[in-house]
Amino acid sequence: MQKTIVPIAHIRSGFPTKFGIPRQSGLVPELLADIVFEPEFAVPEAMRGLSDFSHLWLIWGFSAAEREGWSPTVRPPRLGGNTRMGVFATRSPFRPNSLGLSSVRIVSVDTKDGVPVVRVAGADLMDGTPIYDIKPYLTTTDCHPEAHDGFVADNGSYGVTVVLPDDLAPEMPAPERAALRGVLAQDPRPAFHHDPGRVYGFPFGDYEVKFRVEGEVLTVISVENR
């Protein structure tokens, strides 16, 4: 008998849109997000023992990237957006079941107003993303030092030097500023964009951030309250 899966929780993060979200979990460890459970699953007893672990696997849905049907090949941004690879050899959001998998660090396991909330670090999820399950990360079985990264290993990594002037949003808390710097250092632009005159912008928490990129340097030009 086939069962329809339903969200057990939703993520609360500083990304109301897809732009700016790290391409993979763990790339920006300063980023914090909350897993807020749905009423049916908001049972404190279900979290018993969770705080003894350091990391979690999140199984979640690409709710902002769902499409009718699917394609057996996709164009990974890391390959310039022109070369096609098999969808099952990539982490593209455009998959038959639109499911994602992320590894995050547990910061705290609390109860707020009687509802369990798990705070995690390093999440790569948009605000409101449905969480279908969480599972403890086990170092004995989930870590494979001998693993090979396929075509990703031969195509470099994203990264730019960030210039974030101190006089832009000086009221922004230091932890949030560090998280923003980490997000920008991953170069959130599409991989095939190389226009130094173009201004990019995205909402981040309570702020709207705008920047330009010239060569390997990303310069923030404004950080304003939303």
C-alpha atoms as a PDB file:
ATOM      1  CA  MET A   1       0.000   0.000   0.000  1.00  0.00           C
ATOM      2  CA  GLN A   2       1.465   3.324  -1.073  1.00  0.00           C
ATOM      3  CA  LYS A   3       1.465   6.060   1.551  1.00  0.00           C
ATOM      4  CA  THR A   4       1.448   9.782   0.871  1.00  0.00           C
ATOM      5  CA  ILE A   5       4.123  11.535   2.900  1.00  0.00           C
ATOM      6  CA  VAL A   6       3.316  14.778   4.678  1.00  0.00           C
ATOM      7  CA  PRO A   7       5.575  17.420   6.245  1.00  0.00           C
ATOM      8  CA  ILE A   8       6.420  16.835   9.888  1.00  0.00           C
ATOM      9  CA  ALA A   9       7.812  20.371  10.187  1.00  0.00           C
ATOM     10  CA  HIS A  10       8.785  23.504   8.280  1.00  0.00           C
ATOM     11  CA  ILE A  11      12.052  25.406   8.315  1.00  0.00           C
ATOM     12  CA  ARG A  12      12.307  29.006   9.477  1.00  0.00           C
ATOM     13  CA  SER A  13      15.307  30.710   7.923  1.00  0.00           C
ATOM     14  CA  GLY A  14      16.452  34.148   6.791  1.00  0.00           C
ATOM     15  CA  PHE A  15      15.850  33.363   3.091  1.00  0.00           C
ATOM     16  CA  PRO A  16      12.334  34.258   1.876  1.00  0.00           C
ATOM     17  CA  THR A  17      13.510  33.658  -1.727  1.00  0.00           C
ATOM     18  CA  LYS A  18      15.849  31.130  -3.380  1.00  0.00           C
ATOM     19  CA  PHE A  19      18.532  33.644  -4.364  1.00  0.00           C
ATOM     20  CA  GLY A  20      21.455  33.696  -1.964  1.00  0.00           C
ATOM     21  CA  ILE A  21      20.835  30.292  -0.391  1.00  0.00           C
ATOM     22  CA  PRO A  22      24.092  28.281  -0.177  1.00  0.00           C
ATOM     23  CA  ARG A  23      24.349  25.612  -2.853  1.00  0.00           C
ATOM     24  CA  GLN A  24      24.886  22.871  -0.279  1.00  0.00           C
ATOM     25  CA  SER A  25      24.420  22.459   3.442  1.00  0.00           C
ATOM     26  CA  GLY A  26      27.377  23.151   5.701  1.00  0.00           C
ATOM     27  CA  LEU A  27      29.028  25.687   3.395  1.00  0.00           C
ATOM     28  CA  VAL A  28      28.068  28.551   5.727  1.00  0.00           C
ATOM     29  CA  PRO A  29      28.173  27.145   9.274  1.00  0.00           C
ATOM     30  CA  GLU A  30      27.167  30.531  10.754  1.00  0.00           C
ATOM     31  CA  LEU A  31      23.682  30.310   9.207  1.00  0.00           C
ATOM     32  CA  LEU A  32      21.001  29.463  11.767  1.00  0.00           C
ATOM     33  CA  ALA A  33      17.534  28.081  11.090  1.00  0.00           C
ATOM     34  CA  ASP A  34      14.715  26.609  13.162  1.00  0.00           C
ATOM     35  CA  ILE A  35      12.822  23.376  12.517  1.00  0.00           C
ATOM     36  CA  VAL A  36       9.263  24.051  13.727  1.00  0.00           C
ATOM     37  CA  PHE A  37       7.071  20.971  13.972  1.00  0.00           C
ATOM     38  CA  GLU A  38       3.504  20.606  12.738  1.00  0.00           C
ATOM     39  CA  PRO A  39       0.849  20.119  15.458  1.00  0.00           C
ATOM     40  CA  GLU A  40       0.476  16.380  14.778  1.00  0.00           C
ATOM     41  CA  PHE A  41       4.204  15.841  15.323  1.00  0.00           C
ATOM     42  CA  ALA A  42       4.889  18.537  17.920  1.00  0.00           C
ATOM     43  CA  VAL A  43       5.330  15.973  20.661  1.00  0.00           C
ATOM     44  CA  PRO A  44       8.224  16.636  23.066  1.00  0.00           C
ATOM     45  CA  GLU A  45       8.638  12.902  23.690  1.00  0.00           C
ATOM     46  CA  ALA A  46       9.466  12.427  20.007  1.00  0.00           C
ATOM     47  CA  MET A  47      12.639  14.492  20.576  1.00  0.00           C
ATOM     48  CA  ARG A  48      13.872  12.414  23.504  1.00  0.00           C
ATOM     49  CA  GLY A  49      17.582  11.664  23.004  1.00  0.00           C
ATOM     50  CA  LEU A  50      17.971  14.020  20.038  1.00  0.00           C
ATOM     51  CA  SER A  51      20.139  16.512  21.924  1.00  0.00           C
ATOM     52  CA  ASP A  52      22.723  13.771  22.495  1.00  0.00           C
ATOM     53  CA  PHE A  53      23.628  13.944  18.793  1.00  0.00           C
ATOM     54  CA  SER A  54      25.660  16.696  17.154  1.00  0.00           C
ATOM     55  CA  HIS A  55      24.265  16.596  13.599  1.00  0.00           C
ATOM     56  CA  LEU A  56      21.094  15.758  11.691  1.00  0.00           C
ATOM     57  CA  TRP A  57      20.025  14.636   8.266  1.00  0.00           C
ATOM     58  CA  LEU A  58      17.071  16.628   6.938  1.00  0.00           C
ATOM     59  CA  ILE A  59      14.820  15.134   4.268  1.00  0.00           C
ATOM     60  CA  TRP A  60      12.902  17.982   2.699  1.00  0.00           C
ATOM     61  CA  GLY A  61      10.969  19.119  -0.361  1.00  0.00           C
ATOM     62  CA  PHE A  62      11.996  21.522  -3.124  1.00  0.00           C
ATOM     63  CA  SER A  63       8.716  23.367  -2.673  1.00  0.00           C
ATOM     64  CA  ALA A  64       9.845  26.356  -4.776  1.00  0.00           C
ATOM     65  CA  ALA A  65      11.196  24.271  -7.665  1.00  0.00           C
ATOM     66  CA  GLU A  66       8.441  21.762  -8.405  1.00  0.00           C
ATOM     67  CA  ARG A  67       7.635  21.072 -12.061  1.00  0.00           C
ATOM     68  CA  GLU A  68       5.223  18.916 -13.996  1.00  0.00           C
ATOM     69  CA  GLY A  69       7.118  15.870 -15.172  1.00  0.00           C
ATOM     70  CA  TRP A  70      10.878  15.439 -15.077  1.00  0.00           C
ATOM     71  CA  SER A  71      13.898  15.251 -17.375  1.00  0.00           C
ATOM     72  CA  PRO A  72      16.524  12.461 -17.278  1.00  0.00           C
ATOM     73  CA  THR A  73      19.274  15.049 -17.785  1.00  0.00           C
ATOM     74  CA  VAL A  74      19.955  18.474 -16.254  1.00  0.00           C
ATOM     75  CA  ARG A  75      22.583  21.202 -16.674  1.00  0.00           C
ATOM     76  CA  PRO A  76      24.621  21.568 -13.468  1.00  0.00           C
ATOM     77  CA  PRO A  77      25.673  25.195 -12.772  1.00  0.00           C
ATOM     78  CA  ARG A  78      29.125  23.959 -11.773  1.00  0.00           C
ATOM     79  CA  LEU A  79      29.665  22.868 -15.402  1.00  0.00           C
ATOM     80  CA  GLY A  80      28.726  26.308 -16.717  1.00  0.00           C
ATOM     81  CA  GLY A  81      25.052  25.590 -17.318  1.00  0.00           C
ATOM     82  CA  ASN A  82      25.639  24.104 -20.774  1.00  0.00           C
ATOM     83  CA  THR A  83      26.797  20.507 -20.193  1.00  0.00           C
ATOM     84  CA  ARG A  84      24.109  17.944 -19.447  1.00  0.00           C
ATOM     85  CA  MET A  85      24.468  15.224 -16.839  1.00  0.00           C
ATOM     86  CA  GLY A  86      22.085  12.539 -15.618  1.00  0.00           C
ATOM     87  CA  VAL A  87      19.710  13.933 -13.019  1.00  0.00           C
ATOM     88  CA  PHE A  88      20.638  11.130 -10.602  1.00  0.00           C
ATOM     89  CA  ALA A  89      24.319  12.139 -10.878  1.00  0.00           C
ATOM     90  CA  THR A  90      23.495  15.662  -9.643  1.00  0.00           C
ATOM     91  CA  ARG A  91      21.800  17.437  -6.777  1.00  0.00           C
ATOM     92  CA  SER A  92      19.475  19.360  -9.062  1.00  0.00           C
ATOM     93  CA  PRO A  93      16.138  20.344  -7.475  1.00  0.00           C
ATOM     94  CA  PHE A  94      14.327  19.236 -10.640  1.00  0.00           C
ATOM     95  CA  ARG A  95      13.933  15.580  -9.693  1.00  0.00           C
ATOM     96  CA  PRO A  96      11.080  13.068 -10.034  1.00  0.00           C
ATOM     97  CA  ASN A  97      10.087  13.464  -6.376  1.00  0.00           C
ATOM     98  CA  SER A  98      11.590  16.927  -5.685  1.00  0.00           C
ATOM     99  CA  LEU A  99      13.271  15.738  -2.472  1.00  0.00           C
ATOM    100  CA  GLY A 100      16.414  17.220  -0.932  1.00  0.00           C
ATOM    101  CA  LEU A 101      18.873  15.935   1.658  1.00  0.00           C
ATOM    102  CA  SER A 102      20.919  18.172   3.974  1.00  0.00           C
ATOM    103  CA  SER A 103      23.335  17.586   6.829  1.00  0.00           C
ATOM    104  CA  VAL A 104      23.168  20.225   9.573  1.00  0.00           C
ATOM    105  CA  ARG A 105      24.586  20.766  13.046  1.00  0.00           C
ATOM    106  CA  ILE A 106      22.233  20.755  16.035  1.00  0.00           C
ATOM    107  CA  VAL A 107      22.513  23.981  18.022  1.00  0.00           C
ATOM    108  CA  SER A 108      19.676  23.380  20.476  1.00  0.00           C
ATOM    109  CA  VAL A 109      16.559  21.304  21.091  1.00  0.00           C
ATOM    110  CA  ASP A 110      13.977  23.419  22.904  1.00  0.00           C
ATOM    111  CA  THR A 111      10.269  23.725  23.504  1.00  0.00           C
ATOM    112  CA  LYS A 112       8.576  27.057  22.812  1.00  0.00           C
ATOM    113  CA  ASP A 113       4.955  27.474  23.883  1.00  0.00           C
ATOM    114  CA  GLY A 114       4.758  23.705  24.154  1.00  0.00           C
ATOM    115  CA  VAL A 115       6.000  23.153  20.594  1.00  0.00           C
ATOM    116  CA  PRO A 116       9.363  21.446  19.959  1.00  0.00           C
ATOM    117  CA  VAL A 117      11.831  23.599  18.003  1.00  0.00           C
ATOM    118  CA  VAL A 118      15.201  22.340  16.836  1.00  0.00           C
ATOM    119  CA  ARG A 119      17.723  25.071  15.976  1.00  0.00           C
ATOM    120  CA  VAL A 120      20.328  24.003  13.432  1.00  0.00           C
ATOM    121  CA  ALA A 121      23.384  25.549  11.797  1.00  0.00           C
ATOM    122  CA  GLY A 122      24.524  25.309   8.197  1.00  0.00           C
ATOM    123  CA  ALA A 123      21.123  24.764   6.579  1.00  0.00           C
ATOM    124  CA  ASP A 124      20.673  25.494   2.862  1.00  0.00           C
ATOM    125  CA  LEU A 125      16.899  25.909   2.922  1.00  0.00           C
ATOM    126  CA  MET A 126      14.416  28.629   2.035  1.00  0.00           C
ATOM    127  CA  ASP A 127      12.036  29.863   4.704  1.00  0.00           C
ATOM    128  CA  GLY A 128       8.929  27.679   4.809  1.00  0.00           C
ATOM    129  CA  THR A 129      10.543  24.613   3.245  1.00  0.00           C
ATOM    130  CA  PRO A 130       8.647  21.459   4.247  1.00  0.00           C
ATOM    131  CA  ILE A 131      10.630  18.922   6.278  1.00  0.00           C
ATOM    132  CA  TYR A 132       9.497  15.329   5.732  1.00  0.00           C
ATOM    133  CA  ASP A 133      11.818  13.648   8.208  1.00  0.00           C
ATOM    134  CA  ILE A 134      14.880  14.148  10.388  1.00  0.00           C
ATOM    135  CA  LYS A 135      17.426  11.489  11.282  1.00  0.00           C
ATOM    136  CA  PRO A 136      20.546  11.569  13.480  1.00  0.00           C
ATOM    137  CA  TYR A 137      23.860  11.757  11.640  1.00  0.00           C
ATOM    138  CA  LEU A 138      26.120   8.843  12.619  1.00  0.00           C
ATOM    139  CA  THR A 139      29.878   9.131  12.284  1.00  0.00           C
ATOM    140  CA  THR A 140      30.219   5.340  12.242  1.00  0.00           C
ATOM    141  CA  THR A 141      28.222   4.885   9.040  1.00  0.00           C
ATOM    142  CA  ASP A 142      27.499   8.260   7.433  1.00  0.00           C
ATOM    143  CA  CYS A 143      31.081   9.488   7.027  1.00  0.00           C
ATOM    144  CA  HIS A 144      33.120   8.103   4.113  1.00  0.00           C
ATOM    145  CA  PRO A 145      36.600   9.730   3.941  1.00  0.00           C
ATOM    146  CA  GLU A 146      37.440   7.664   0.857  1.00  0.00           C
ATOM    147  CA  ALA A 147      34.503   9.031  -1.149  1.00  0.00           C
ATOM    148  CA  HIS A 148      35.110  10.637  -4.570  1.00  0.00           C
ATOM    149  CA  ASP A 149      33.234  13.736  -5.760  1.00  0.00           C
ATOM    150  CA  GLY A 150      32.779  12.787  -9.427  1.00  0.00           C
ATOM    151  CA  PHE A 151      32.675  15.665 -11.913  1.00  0.00           C
ATOM    152  CA  VAL A 152      32.436  18.156  -9.014  1.00  0.00           C
ATOM    153  CA  ALA A 153      36.016  17.403  -7.945  1.00  0.00           C
ATOM    154  CA  ASP A 154      37.385  18.479 -11.325  1.00  0.00           C
ATOM    155  CA  ASN A 155      35.472  21.726 -11.670  1.00  0.00           C
ATOM    156  CA  GLY A 156      36.752  23.872  -8.834  1.00  0.00           C
ATOM    157  CA  SER A 157      34.689  25.555  -6.175  1.00  0.00           C
ATOM    158  CA  TYR A 158      32.785  28.778  -5.804  1.00  0.00           C
ATOM    159  CA  GLY A 159      34.300  31.589  -3.804  1.00  0.00           C
ATOM    160  CA  VAL A 160      35.007  35.314  -3.843  1.00  0.00           C
ATOM    161  CA  THR A 161      36.584  37.885  -1.555  1.00  0.00           C
ATOM    162  CA  VAL A 162      33.864  39.898   0.191  1.00  0.00           C
ATOM    163  CA  VAL A 163      34.086  43.636   0.808  1.00  0.00           C
ATOM    164  CA  LEU A 164      31.401  44.538   3.352  1.00  0.00           C
ATOM    165  CA  PRO A 165      31.962  48.109   4.611  1.00  0.00           C
ATOM    166  CA  ASP A 166      31.460  48.603   8.345  1.00  0.00           C
ATOM    167  CA  ASP A 167      29.163  51.586   7.793  1.00  0.00           C
ATOM    168  CA  LEU A 168      26.563  49.437   6.000  1.00  0.00           C
ATOM    169  CA  ALA A 169      23.885  48.318   8.483  1.00  0.00           C
ATOM    170  CA  PRO A 170      26.065  48.838  11.576  1.00  0.00           C
ATOM    171  CA  GLU A 171      23.083  47.746  13.716  1.00  0.00           C
ATOM    172  CA  MET A 172      23.157  44.243  12.224  1.00  0.00           C
ATOM    173  CA  PRO A 173      24.127  41.781  15.004  1.00  0.00           C
ATOM    174  CA  ALA A 174      27.636  40.388  14.650  1.00  0.00           C
ATOM    175  CA  PRO A 175      26.499  36.730  14.262  1.00  0.00           C
ATOM    176  CA  GLU A 176      24.089  37.678  11.480  1.00  0.00           C
ATOM    177  CA  ARG A 177      26.749  39.799   9.797  1.00  0.00           C
ATOM    178  CA  ALA A 178      29.151  36.848   9.889  1.00  0.00           C
ATOM    179  CA  ALA A 179      26.478  34.636   8.333  1.00  0.00           C
ATOM    180  CA  LEU A 180      25.857  37.204   5.581  1.00  0.00           C
ATOM    181  CA  ARG A 181      29.559  37.404   4.841  1.00  0.00           C
ATOM    182  CA  GLY A 182      29.672  33.617   4.598  1.00  0.00           C
ATOM    183  CA  VAL A 183      26.729  33.567   2.189  1.00  0.00           C
ATOM    184  CA  LEU A 184      28.315  36.209  -0.043  1.00  0.00           C
ATOM    185  CA  ALA A 185      31.706  34.465   0.006  1.00  0.00           C
ATOM    186  CA  GLN A 186      30.075  31.541  -1.819  1.00  0.00           C
ATOM    187  CA  ASP A 187      29.211  33.902  -4.729  1.00  0.00           C
ATOM    188  CA  PRO A 188      25.413  33.530  -4.953  1.00  0.00           C
ATOM    189  CA  ARG A 189      25.257  34.579  -8.618  1.00  0.00           C
ATOM    190  CA  PRO A 190      24.303  32.033 -11.285  1.00  0.00           C
ATOM    191  CA  ALA A 191      27.519  30.327 -12.425  1.00  0.00           C
ATOM    192  CA  PHE A 192      27.272  31.748 -15.952  1.00  0.00           C
ATOM    193  CA  HIS A 193      26.921  35.410 -14.870  1.00  0.00           C
ATOM    194  CA  HIS A 194      30.092  37.491 -15.302  1.00  0.00           C
ATOM    195  CA  ASP A 195      28.860  41.074 -15.774  1.00  0.00           C
ATOM    196  CA  PRO A 196      30.865  43.364 -13.421  1.00  0.00           C
ATOM    197  CA  GLY A 197      28.369  46.196 -13.890  1.00  0.00           C
ATOM    198  CA  ARG A 198      25.316  44.239 -12.840  1.00  0.00           C
ATOM    199  CA  VAL A 199      23.801  44.855  -9.417  1.00  0.00           C
ATOM    200  CA  TYR A 200      22.397  41.807  -7.635  1.00  0.00           C
ATOM    201  CA  GLY A 201      20.110  41.855  -4.651  1.00  0.00           C
ATOM    202  CA  PHE A 202      18.325  39.495  -2.305  1.00  0.00           C
ATOM    203  CA  PRO A 203      16.452  39.586   1.003  1.00  0.00           C
ATOM    204  CA  PHE A 204      18.372  38.252   3.979  1.00  0.00           C
ATOM    205  CA  GLY A 205      16.498  38.176   7.271  1.00  0.00           C
ATOM    206  CA  ASP A 206      15.278  41.724   7.959  1.00  0.00           C
ATOM    207  CA  TYR A 207      17.553  43.242   5.308  1.00  0.00           C
ATOM    208  CA  GLU A 208      17.775  43.764   1.564  1.00  0.00           C
ATOM    209  CA  VAL A 209      21.344  43.251   0.358  1.00  0.00           C
ATOM    210  CA  LYS A 210      22.761  44.540  -2.941  1.00  0.00           C
ATOM    211  CA  PHE A 211      26.194  43.825  -4.399  1.00  0.00           C
ATOM    212  CA  ARG A 212      28.407  43.753  -7.477  1.00  0.00           C
ATOM    213  CA  VAL A 213      31.120  41.286  -8.445  1.00  0.00           C
ATOM    214  CA  GLU A 214      34.230  42.188 -10.419  1.00  0.00           C
ATOM    215  CA  GLY A 215      36.698  39.405 -10.975  1.00  0.00           C
ATOM    216  CA  GLU A 216      37.108  37.569  -7.688  1.00  0.00           C
ATOM    217  CA  VAL A 217      35.902  40.458  -5.495  1.00  0.00           C
ATOM    218  CA  LEU A 218      32.310  40.895  -4.346  1.00  0.00           C
ATOM    219  CA  THR A 219      31.512  44.387  -3.043  1.00  0.00           C
ATOM    220  CA  VAL A 220      28.376  45.059  -1.029  1.00  0.00           C
ATOM    221  CA  ILE A 221      26.920  48.407  -2.070  1.00  0.00           C
ATOM    222  CA  SER A 222      23.917  48.583   0.256  1.00  0.00           C
ATOM    223  CA  VAL A 223      22.278  46.822   3.181  1.00  0.00           C
ATOM    224  CA  GLU A 224      18.872  48.291   3.996  1.00  0.00           C
ATOM    225  CA  ASN A 225      16.050  47.343   6.321  1.00  0.00           C
ATOM    226  CA  ARG A 226      13.159  45.653   4.559  1.00  0.00           C
END
